[in-house]
Amino acid sequence: MSRTEALWKLNLPLLHMEGGMNENGKDSYIAGLKRYRERGIPIVIDGEVCTEPDWKRIFEAREDNSFYMADFVSDDKTGRLTEIRFDRVYHK
């Protein structure tokens, strides 16, 4: 099973920024992040473990054309998910 298939199986939609995401999609995505956090998986934004109130910033539009991209980090030996990391990337 691919990593993408595994994420869908856990009901966490993949973040699709192009064209935006409606409020239902954002709420669903946040709910998925909560499920991961409840399983002990830290949610990291810009290198810092963040709490739920900070998570909505991954959807914010920025004047510099940057957006957040999710990276699902796994343990090299076990393949288990160890953290979900959001880093800002730039689109020119």
PDB file of N, CA and C in Angstrom:
ATOM      1  N   MET A   1       0.849  -1.178   0.000  1.00  0.00           N
ATOM      2  CA  MET A   1       0.000   0.000   0.000  1.00  0.00           C
ATOM      3  C   MET A   1       0.894   1.239   0.000  1.00  0.00           C
ATOM      4  N   SER A   2       0.547   2.193  -0.842  1.00  0.00           N
ATOM      5  CA  SER A   2       1.330   3.421  -0.906  1.00  0.00           C
ATOM      6  C   SER A   2       1.028   4.314   0.294  1.00  0.00           C
ATOM      7  N   ARG A   3       1.891   5.287   0.522  1.00  0.00           N
ATOM      8  CA  ARG A   3       1.685   6.243   1.626  1.00  0.00           C
ATOM      9  C   ARG A   3       0.373   7.000   1.426  1.00  0.00           C
ATOM     10  N   THR A   4       0.092   7.407   0.187  1.00  0.00           N
ATOM     11  CA  THR A   4      -1.154   8.126  -0.098  1.00  0.00           C
ATOM     12  C   THR A   4      -2.364   7.266   0.229  1.00  0.00           C
ATOM     13  N   GLU A   5      -2.332   5.994  -0.187  1.00  0.00           N
ATOM     14  CA  GLU A   5      -3.441   5.083   0.127  1.00  0.00           C
ATOM     15  C   GLU A   5      -3.613   4.930   1.629  1.00  0.00           C
ATOM     16  N   ALA A   6      -2.510   4.854   2.365  1.00  0.00           N
ATOM     17  CA  ALA A   6      -2.580   4.716   3.817  1.00  0.00           C
ATOM     18  C   ALA A   6      -3.213   5.950   4.453  1.00  0.00           C
ATOM     19  N   LEU A   7      -2.882   7.133   3.961  1.00  0.00           N
ATOM     20  CA  LEU A   7      -3.459   8.365   4.508  1.00  0.00           C
ATOM     21  C   LEU A   7      -4.952   8.431   4.235  1.00  0.00           C
ATOM     22  N   TRP A   8      -5.359   8.056   3.039  1.00  0.00           N
ATOM     23  CA  TRP A   8      -6.787   8.062   2.729  1.00  0.00           C
ATOM     24  C   TRP A   8      -7.516   7.053   3.592  1.00  0.00           C
ATOM     25  N   LYS A   9      -6.903   5.907   3.848  1.00  0.00           N
ATOM     26  CA  LYS A   9      -7.525   4.880   4.678  1.00  0.00           C
ATOM     27  C   LYS A   9      -7.783   5.407   6.086  1.00  0.00           C
ATOM     28  N   LEU A  10      -6.915   6.306   6.570  1.00  0.00           N
ATOM     29  CA  LEU A  10      -7.087   6.900   7.894  1.00  0.00           C
ATOM     30  C   LEU A  10      -7.999   8.124   7.847  1.00  0.00           C
ATOM     31  N   ASN A  11      -8.602   8.378   6.689  1.00  0.00           N
ATOM     32  CA  ASN A  11      -9.565   9.469   6.512  1.00  0.00           C
ATOM     33  C   ASN A  11      -8.971  10.858   6.688  1.00  0.00           C
ATOM     34  N   LEU A  12      -7.713  11.038   6.365  1.00  0.00           N
ATOM     35  CA  LEU A  12      -7.128  12.377   6.363  1.00  0.00           C
ATOM     36  C   LEU A  12      -6.950  12.788   4.910  1.00  0.00           C
ATOM     37  N   PRO A  13      -7.755  13.740   4.437  1.00  0.00           N
ATOM     38  CA  PRO A  13      -7.628  14.140   3.040  1.00  0.00           C
ATOM     39  C   PRO A  13      -6.285  14.812   2.787  1.00  0.00           C
ATOM     40  N   LEU A  14      -5.786  14.627   1.610  1.00  0.00           N
ATOM     41  CA  LEU A  14      -4.552  15.296   1.228  1.00  0.00           C
ATOM     42  C   LEU A  14      -4.862  16.766   1.000  1.00  0.00           C
ATOM     43  N   LEU A  15      -3.967  17.620   1.408  1.00  0.00           N
ATOM     44  CA  LEU A  15      -4.175  19.054   1.299  1.00  0.00           C
ATOM     45  C   LEU A  15      -3.974  19.483  -0.147  1.00  0.00           C
ATOM     46  N   HIS A  16      -4.977  20.113  -0.711  1.00  0.00           N
ATOM     47  CA  HIS A  16      -4.922  20.581  -2.091  1.00  0.00           C
ATOM     48  C   HIS A  16      -5.099  22.089  -2.067  1.00  0.00           C
ATOM     49  N   MET A  17      -4.017  22.831  -2.271  1.00  0.00           N
ATOM     50  CA  MET A  17      -4.061  24.276  -2.120  1.00  0.00           C
ATOM     51  C   MET A  17      -4.465  24.998  -3.403  1.00  0.00           C
ATOM     52  N   GLU A  18      -4.130  24.452  -4.553  1.00  0.00           N
ATOM     53  CA  GLU A  18      -4.422  25.166  -5.790  1.00  0.00           C
ATOM     54  C   GLU A  18      -5.927  25.310  -5.951  1.00  0.00           C
ATOM     55  N   GLY A  19      -6.371  26.542  -6.085  1.00  0.00           N
ATOM     56  CA  GLY A  19      -7.799  26.794  -6.197  1.00  0.00           C
ATOM     57  C   GLY A  19      -8.470  26.904  -4.839  1.00  0.00           C
ATOM     58  N   GLY A  20      -7.710  26.728  -3.771  1.00  0.00           N
ATOM     59  CA  GLY A  20      -8.255  26.882  -2.427  1.00  0.00           C
ATOM     60  C   GLY A  20      -9.001  25.655  -1.946  1.00  0.00           C
ATOM     61  N   MET A  21      -9.492  25.756  -0.728  1.00  0.00           N
ATOM     62  CA  MET A  21     -10.249  24.679  -0.113  1.00  0.00           C
ATOM     63  C   MET A  21     -11.410  25.343   0.616  1.00  0.00           C
ATOM     64  N   ASN A  22     -12.617  24.795   0.458  1.00  0.00           N
ATOM     65  CA  ASN A  22     -13.760  25.407   1.129  1.00  0.00           C
ATOM     66  C   ASN A  22     -13.715  25.112   2.632  1.00  0.00           C
ATOM     67  N   GLU A  23     -14.582  25.771   3.392  1.00  0.00           N
ATOM     68  CA  GLU A  23     -14.570  25.634   4.854  1.00  0.00           C
ATOM     69  C   GLU A  23     -14.827  24.198   5.289  1.00  0.00           C
ATOM     70  N   ASN A  24     -15.709  23.476   4.597  1.00  0.00           N
ATOM     71  CA  ASN A  24     -15.954  22.064   4.926  1.00  0.00           C
ATOM     72  C   ASN A  24     -14.693  21.241   4.775  1.00  0.00           C
ATOM     73  N   GLY A  25     -13.951  21.505   3.702  1.00  0.00           N
ATOM     74  CA  GLY A  25     -12.706  20.779   3.467  1.00  0.00           C
ATOM     75  C   GLY A  25     -11.668  21.083   4.533  1.00  0.00           C
ATOM     76  N   LYS A  26     -11.600  22.363   4.933  1.00  0.00           N
ATOM     77  CA  LYS A  26     -10.650  22.757   5.977  1.00  0.00           C
ATOM     78  C   LYS A  26     -11.004  22.093   7.302  1.00  0.00           C
ATOM     79  N   ASP A  27     -12.295  22.112   7.651  1.00  0.00           N
ATOM     80  CA  ASP A  27     -12.742  21.490   8.898  1.00  0.00           C
ATOM     81  C   ASP A  27     -12.456  19.992   8.892  1.00  0.00           C
ATOM     82  N   SER A  28     -12.668  19.374   7.758  1.00  0.00           N
ATOM     83  CA  SER A  28     -12.396  17.943   7.629  1.00  0.00           C
ATOM     84  C   SER A  28     -10.901  17.654   7.783  1.00  0.00           C
ATOM     85  N   TYR A  29     -10.082  18.508   7.187  1.00  0.00           N
ATOM     86  CA  TYR A  29      -8.633  18.340   7.278  1.00  0.00           C
ATOM     87  C   TYR A  29      -8.157  18.505   8.718  1.00  0.00           C
ATOM     88  N   ILE A  30      -8.679  19.533   9.417  1.00  0.00           N
ATOM     89  CA  ILE A  30      -8.330  19.767  10.825  1.00  0.00           C
ATOM     90  C   ILE A  30      -8.774  18.574  11.670  1.00  0.00           C
ATOM     91  N   ALA A  31      -9.952  18.023  11.387  1.00  0.00           N
ATOM     92  CA  ALA A  31     -10.433  16.848  12.125  1.00  0.00           C
ATOM     93  C   ALA A  31      -9.479  15.679  11.938  1.00  0.00           C
ATOM     94  N   GLY A  32      -8.938  15.530  10.726  1.00  0.00           N
ATOM     95  CA  GLY A  32      -7.965  14.474  10.469  1.00  0.00           C
ATOM     96  C   GLY A  32      -6.680  14.682  11.253  1.00  0.00           C
ATOM     97  N   LEU A  33      -6.226  15.936  11.310  1.00  0.00           N
ATOM     98  CA  LEU A  33      -5.028  16.237  12.100  1.00  0.00           C
ATOM     99  C   LEU A  33      -5.252  15.917  13.574  1.00  0.00           C
ATOM    100  N   LYS A  34      -6.453  16.196  14.081  1.00  0.00           N
ATOM    101  CA  LYS A  34      -6.786  15.870  15.482  1.00  0.00           C
ATOM    102  C   LYS A  34      -6.653  14.375  15.736  1.00  0.00           C
ATOM    103  N   ARG A  35      -7.141  13.589  14.784  1.00  0.00           N
ATOM    104  CA  ARG A  35      -7.053  12.124  14.946  1.00  0.00           C
ATOM    105  C   ARG A  35      -5.595  11.668  15.019  1.00  0.00           C
ATOM    106  N   TYR A  36      -4.752  12.262  14.195  1.00  0.00           N
ATOM    107  CA  TYR A  36      -3.331  11.908  14.258  1.00  0.00           C
ATOM    108  C   TYR A  36      -2.720  12.335  15.590  1.00  0.00           C
ATOM    109  N   ARG A  37      -3.023  13.560  16.018  1.00  0.00           N
ATOM    110  CA  ARG A  37      -2.476  14.041  17.286  1.00  0.00           C
ATOM    111  C   ARG A  37      -2.922  13.139  18.443  1.00  0.00           C
ATOM    112  N   GLU A  38      -4.178  12.690  18.411  1.00  0.00           N
ATOM    113  CA  GLU A  38      -4.683  11.786  19.447  1.00  0.00           C
ATOM    114  C   GLU A  38      -3.939  10.459  19.460  1.00  0.00           C
ATOM    115  N   ARG A  39      -3.341  10.112  18.345  1.00  0.00           N
ATOM    116  CA  ARG A  39      -2.533   8.883  18.251  1.00  0.00           C
ATOM    117  C   ARG A  39      -1.068   9.137  18.603  1.00  0.00           C
ATOM    118  N   GLY A  40      -0.783  10.366  19.038  1.00  0.00           N
ATOM    119  CA  GLY A  40       0.584  10.689  19.463  1.00  0.00           C
ATOM    120  C   GLY A  40       1.485  11.228  18.380  1.00  0.00           C
ATOM    121  N   ILE A  41       0.927  11.552  17.224  1.00  0.00           N
ATOM    122  CA  ILE A  41       1.720  12.082  16.115  1.00  0.00           C
ATOM    123  C   ILE A  41       1.755  13.605  16.241  1.00  0.00           C
ATOM    124  N   PRO A  42       2.936  14.207  16.431  1.00  0.00           N
ATOM    125  CA  PRO A  42       3.001  15.669  16.543  1.00  0.00           C
ATOM    126  C   PRO A  42       2.720  16.349  15.201  1.00  0.00           C
ATOM    127  N   ILE A  43       2.079  17.509  15.290  1.00  0.00           N
ATOM    128  CA  ILE A  43       1.826  18.351  14.126  1.00  0.00           C
ATOM    129  C   ILE A  43       2.812  19.515  14.222  1.00  0.00           C
ATOM    130  N   VAL A  44       3.710  19.612  13.240  1.00  0.00           N
ATOM    131  CA  VAL A  44       4.803  20.581  13.273  1.00  0.00           C
ATOM    132  C   VAL A  44       4.619  21.588  12.137  1.00  0.00           C
ATOM    133  N   ILE A  45       4.613  22.877  12.493  1.00  0.00           N
ATOM    134  CA  ILE A  45       4.500  23.938  11.489  1.00  0.00           C
ATOM    135  C   ILE A  45       5.721  24.839  11.632  1.00  0.00           C
ATOM    136  N   ASP A  46       6.448  25.014  10.543  1.00  0.00           N
ATOM    137  CA  ASP A  46       7.670  25.831  10.543  1.00  0.00           C
ATOM    138  C   ASP A  46       8.649  25.402  11.635  1.00  0.00           C
ATOM    139  N   GLY A  47       8.775  24.112  11.846  1.00  0.00           N
ATOM    140  CA  GLY A  47       9.759  23.587  12.784  1.00  0.00           C
ATOM    141  C   GLY A  47       9.328  23.554  14.239  1.00  0.00           C
ATOM    142  N   GLU A  48       8.110  23.973  14.542  1.00  0.00           N
ATOM    143  CA  GLU A  48       7.636  23.985  15.920  1.00  0.00           C
ATOM    144  C   GLU A  48       6.396  23.111  16.066  1.00  0.00           C
ATOM    145  N   VAL A  49       6.359  22.296  17.141  1.00  0.00           N
ATOM    146  CA  VAL A  49       5.156  21.529  17.439  1.00  0.00           C
ATOM    147  C   VAL A  49       4.074  22.533  17.798  1.00  0.00           C
ATOM    148  N   CYS A  50       2.938  22.445  17.113  1.00  0.00           N
ATOM    149  CA  CYS A  50       1.874  23.432  17.297  1.00  0.00           C
ATOM    150  C   CYS A  50       0.622  22.793  17.885  1.00  0.00           C
ATOM    151  N   THR A  51      -0.157  23.628  18.545  1.00  0.00           N
ATOM    152  CA  THR A  51      -1.432  23.189  19.087  1.00  0.00           C
ATOM    153  C   THR A  51      -2.535  23.499  18.082  1.00  0.00           C
ATOM    154  N   GLU A  52      -3.681  22.947  18.334  1.00  0.00           N
ATOM    155  CA  GLU A  52      -4.793  23.066  17.395  1.00  0.00           C
ATOM    156  C   GLU A  52      -5.130  24.497  16.967  1.00  0.00           C
ATOM    157  N   PRO A  53      -5.132  25.487  17.862  1.00  0.00           N
ATOM    158  CA  PRO A  53      -5.458  26.842  17.398  1.00  0.00           C
ATOM    159  C   PRO A  53      -4.513  27.371  16.306  1.00  0.00           C
ATOM    160  N   ASP A  54      -3.300  26.856  16.237  1.00  0.00           N
ATOM    161  CA  ASP A  54      -2.329  27.302  15.232  1.00  0.00           C
ATOM    162  C   ASP A  54      -2.512  26.631  13.871  1.00  0.00           C
ATOM    163  N   TRP A  55      -3.230  25.538  13.821  1.00  0.00           N
ATOM    164  CA  TRP A  55      -3.302  24.740  12.601  1.00  0.00           C
ATOM    165  C   TRP A  55      -3.958  25.460  11.440  1.00  0.00           C
ATOM    166  N   LYS A  56      -4.897  26.341  11.692  1.00  0.00           N
ATOM    167  CA  LYS A  56      -5.609  27.008  10.589  1.00  0.00           C
ATOM    168  C   LYS A  56      -4.683  27.861   9.721  1.00  0.00           C
ATOM    169  N   ARG A  57      -3.526  28.224  10.244  1.00  0.00           N
ATOM    170  CA  ARG A  57      -2.632  29.071   9.435  1.00  0.00           C
ATOM    171  C   ARG A  57      -2.091  28.340   8.209  1.00  0.00           C
ATOM    172  N   ILE A  58      -2.192  27.007   8.174  1.00  0.00           N
ATOM    173  CA  ILE A  58      -1.724  26.286   6.981  1.00  0.00           C
ATOM    174  C   ILE A  58      -2.598  26.587   5.767  1.00  0.00           C
ATOM    175  N   PHE A  59      -3.781  27.167   5.991  1.00  0.00           N
ATOM    176  CA  PHE A  59      -4.683  27.500   4.888  1.00  0.00           C
ATOM    177  C   PHE A  59      -4.616  28.959   4.472  1.00  0.00           C
ATOM    178  N   GLU A  60      -3.879  29.787   5.187  1.00  0.00           N
ATOM    179  CA  GLU A  60      -3.854  31.225   4.930  1.00  0.00           C
ATOM    180  C   GLU A  60      -3.223  31.565   3.584  1.00  0.00           C
ATOM    181  N   ALA A  61      -3.843  32.502   2.891  1.00  0.00           N
ATOM    182  CA  ALA A  61      -3.274  33.011   1.641  1.00  0.00           C
ATOM    183  C   ALA A  61      -2.194  34.030   1.994  1.00  0.00           C
ATOM    184  N   ARG A  62      -1.127  34.031   1.243  1.00  0.00           N
ATOM    185  CA  ARG A  62      -0.022  34.935   1.532  1.00  0.00           C
ATOM    186  C   ARG A  62       0.300  35.782   0.300  1.00  0.00           C
ATOM    187  N   GLU A  63       0.669  37.020   0.567  1.00  0.00           N
ATOM    188  CA  GLU A  63       0.983  37.944  -0.530  1.00  0.00           C
ATOM    189  C   GLU A  63       2.217  37.524  -1.318  1.00  0.00           C
ATOM    190  N   ASP A  64       3.126  36.810  -0.672  1.00  0.00           N
ATOM    191  CA  ASP A  64       4.366  36.410  -1.345  1.00  0.00           C
ATOM    192  C   ASP A  64       4.221  35.119  -2.156  1.00  0.00           C
ATOM    193  N   ASN A  65       2.972  34.671  -2.336  1.00  0.00           N
ATOM    194  CA  ASN A  65       2.677  33.460  -3.112  1.00  0.00           C
ATOM    195  C   ASN A  65       3.161  32.172  -2.447  1.00  0.00           C
ATOM    196  N   SER A  66       3.430  32.216  -1.160  1.00  0.00           N
ATOM    197  CA  SER A  66       3.853  31.003  -0.466  1.00  0.00           C
ATOM    198  C   SER A  66       2.633  30.275   0.078  1.00  0.00           C
ATOM    199  N   PHE A  67       2.808  28.992   0.341  1.00  0.00           N
ATOM    200  CA  PHE A  67       1.765  28.183   0.950  1.00  0.00           C
ATOM    201  C   PHE A  67       2.434  27.061   1.726  1.00  0.00           C
ATOM    202  N   TYR A  68       1.666  26.373   2.562  1.00  0.00           N
ATOM    203  CA  TYR A  68       2.219  25.275   3.351  1.00  0.00           C
ATOM    204  C   TYR A  68       2.038  23.951   2.627  1.00  0.00           C
ATOM    205  N   MET A  69       3.086  23.150   2.669  1.00  0.00           N
ATOM    206  CA  MET A  69       3.051  21.825   2.081  1.00  0.00           C
ATOM    207  C   MET A  69       3.269  20.807   3.193  1.00  0.00           C
ATOM    208  N   ALA A  70       2.441  19.789   3.202  1.00  0.00           N
ATOM    209  CA  ALA A  70       2.535  18.753   4.227  1.00  0.00           C
ATOM    210  C   ALA A  70       3.582  17.716   3.851  1.00  0.00           C
ATOM    211  N   ASP A  71       4.294  17.257   4.853  1.00  0.00           N
ATOM    212  CA  ASP A  71       5.258  16.170   4.689  1.00  0.00           C
ATOM    213  C   ASP A  71       4.969  15.169   5.801  1.00  0.00           C
ATOM    214  N   PHE A  72       4.680  13.955   5.435  1.00  0.00           N
ATOM    215  CA  PHE A  72       4.376  12.902   6.393  1.00  0.00           C
ATOM    216  C   PHE A  72       5.668  12.124   6.636  1.00  0.00           C
ATOM    217  N   VAL A  73       6.256  12.339   7.801  1.00  0.00           N
ATOM    218  CA  VAL A  73       7.581  11.809   8.126  1.00  0.00           C
ATOM    219  C   VAL A  73       7.417  10.451   8.807  1.00  0.00           C
ATOM    220  N   SER A  74       8.145   9.474   8.306  1.00  0.00           N
ATOM    221  CA  SER A  74       8.060   8.135   8.895  1.00  0.00           C
ATOM    222  C   SER A  74       9.429   7.672   9.390  1.00  0.00           C
ATOM    223  N   ASP A  75       9.404   6.734  10.298  1.00  0.00           N
ATOM    224  CA  ASP A  75      10.614   6.111  10.828  1.00  0.00           C
ATOM    225  C   ASP A  75      11.226   5.255   9.721  1.00  0.00           C
ATOM    226  N   ASP A  76      12.522   5.407   9.488  1.00  0.00           N
ATOM    227  CA  ASP A  76      13.185   4.673   8.406  1.00  0.00           C
ATOM    228  C   ASP A  76      13.144   3.165   8.610  1.00  0.00           C
ATOM    229  N   LYS A  77      13.195   2.718   9.837  1.00  0.00           N
ATOM    230  CA  LYS A  77      13.244   1.274  10.103  1.00  0.00           C
ATOM    231  C   LYS A  77      11.867   0.628  10.117  1.00  0.00           C
ATOM    232  N   THR A  78      10.899   1.278  10.747  1.00  0.00           N
ATOM    233  CA  THR A  78       9.582   0.657  10.911  1.00  0.00           C
ATOM    234  C   THR A  78       8.574   1.112   9.873  1.00  0.00           C
ATOM    235  N   GLY A  79       8.811   2.275   9.255  1.00  0.00           N
ATOM    236  CA  GLY A  79       7.863   2.812   8.304  1.00  0.00           C
ATOM    237  C   GLY A  79       6.675   3.499   8.971  1.00  0.00           C
ATOM    238  N   ARG A  80       6.664   3.528  10.291  1.00  0.00           N
ATOM    239  CA  ARG A  80       5.553   4.153  11.020  1.00  0.00           C
ATOM    240  C   ARG A  80       5.650   5.674  10.948  1.00  0.00           C
ATOM    241  N   LEU A  81       4.505   6.290  10.877  1.00  0.00           N
ATOM    242  CA  LEU A  81       4.432   7.746  10.853  1.00  0.00           C
ATOM    243  C   LEU A  81       4.927   8.297  12.183  1.00  0.00           C
ATOM    244  N   THR A  82       5.850   9.268  12.128  1.00  0.00           N
ATOM    245  CA  THR A  82       6.401   9.844  13.360  1.00  0.00           C
ATOM    246  C   THR A  82       5.988  11.300  13.560  1.00  0.00           C
ATOM    247  N   GLU A  83       5.703  12.018  12.467  1.00  0.00           N
ATOM    248  CA  GLU A  83       5.227  13.394  12.584  1.00  0.00           C
ATOM    249  C   GLU A  83       4.653  13.858  11.262  1.00  0.00           C
ATOM    250  N   ILE A  84       3.795  14.869  11.371  1.00  0.00           N
ATOM    251  CA  ILE A  84       3.279  15.543  10.182  1.00  0.00           C
ATOM    252  C   ILE A  84       3.849  16.949  10.233  1.00  0.00           C
ATOM    253  N   ARG A  85       4.587  17.291   9.202  1.00  0.00           N
ATOM    254  CA  ARG A  85       5.314  18.560   9.172  1.00  0.00           C
ATOM    255  C   ARG A  85       4.782  19.426   8.032  1.00  0.00           C
ATOM    256  N   PHE A  86       4.542  20.688   8.344  1.00  0.00           N
ATOM    257  CA  PHE A  86       4.126  21.667   7.344  1.00  0.00           C
ATOM    258  C   PHE A  86       5.217  22.713   7.220  1.00  0.00           C
ATOM    259  N   ASP A  87       5.738  22.839   6.009  1.00  0.00           N
ATOM    260  CA  ASP A  87       6.765  23.852   5.738  1.00  0.00           C
ATOM    261  C   ASP A  87       6.240  24.766   4.642  1.00  0.00           C
ATOM    262  N   ARG A  88       6.607  26.022   4.749  1.00  0.00           N
ATOM    263  CA  ARG A  88       6.184  26.998   3.753  1.00  0.00           C
ATOM    264  C   ARG A  88       7.052  26.856   2.514  1.00  0.00           C
ATOM    265  N   VAL A  89       6.396  26.815   1.378  1.00  0.00           N
ATOM    266  CA  VAL A  89       7.094  26.762   0.088  1.00  0.00           C
ATOM    267  C   VAL A  89       6.604  27.924  -0.752  1.00  0.00           C
ATOM    268  N   TYR A  90       7.373  28.259  -1.758  1.00  0.00           N
ATOM    269  CA  TYR A  90       7.058  29.429  -2.581  1.00  0.00           C
ATOM    270  C   TYR A  90       6.778  29.003  -4.009  1.00  0.00           C
ATOM    271  N   HIS A  91       5.751  29.579  -4.579  1.00  0.00           N
ATOM    272  CA  HIS A  91       5.385  29.332  -5.965  1.00  0.00           C
ATOM    273  C   HIS A  91       5.544  30.640  -6.727  1.00  0.00           C
ATOM    274  N   LYS A  92       6.355  30.614  -7.769  1.00  0.00           N
ATOM    275  CA  LYS A  92       6.585  31.839  -8.546  1.00  0.00           C
ATOM    276  C   LYS A  92       6.003  31.715  -9.917  1.00  0.00           C
TER     277      LYS A  92
END
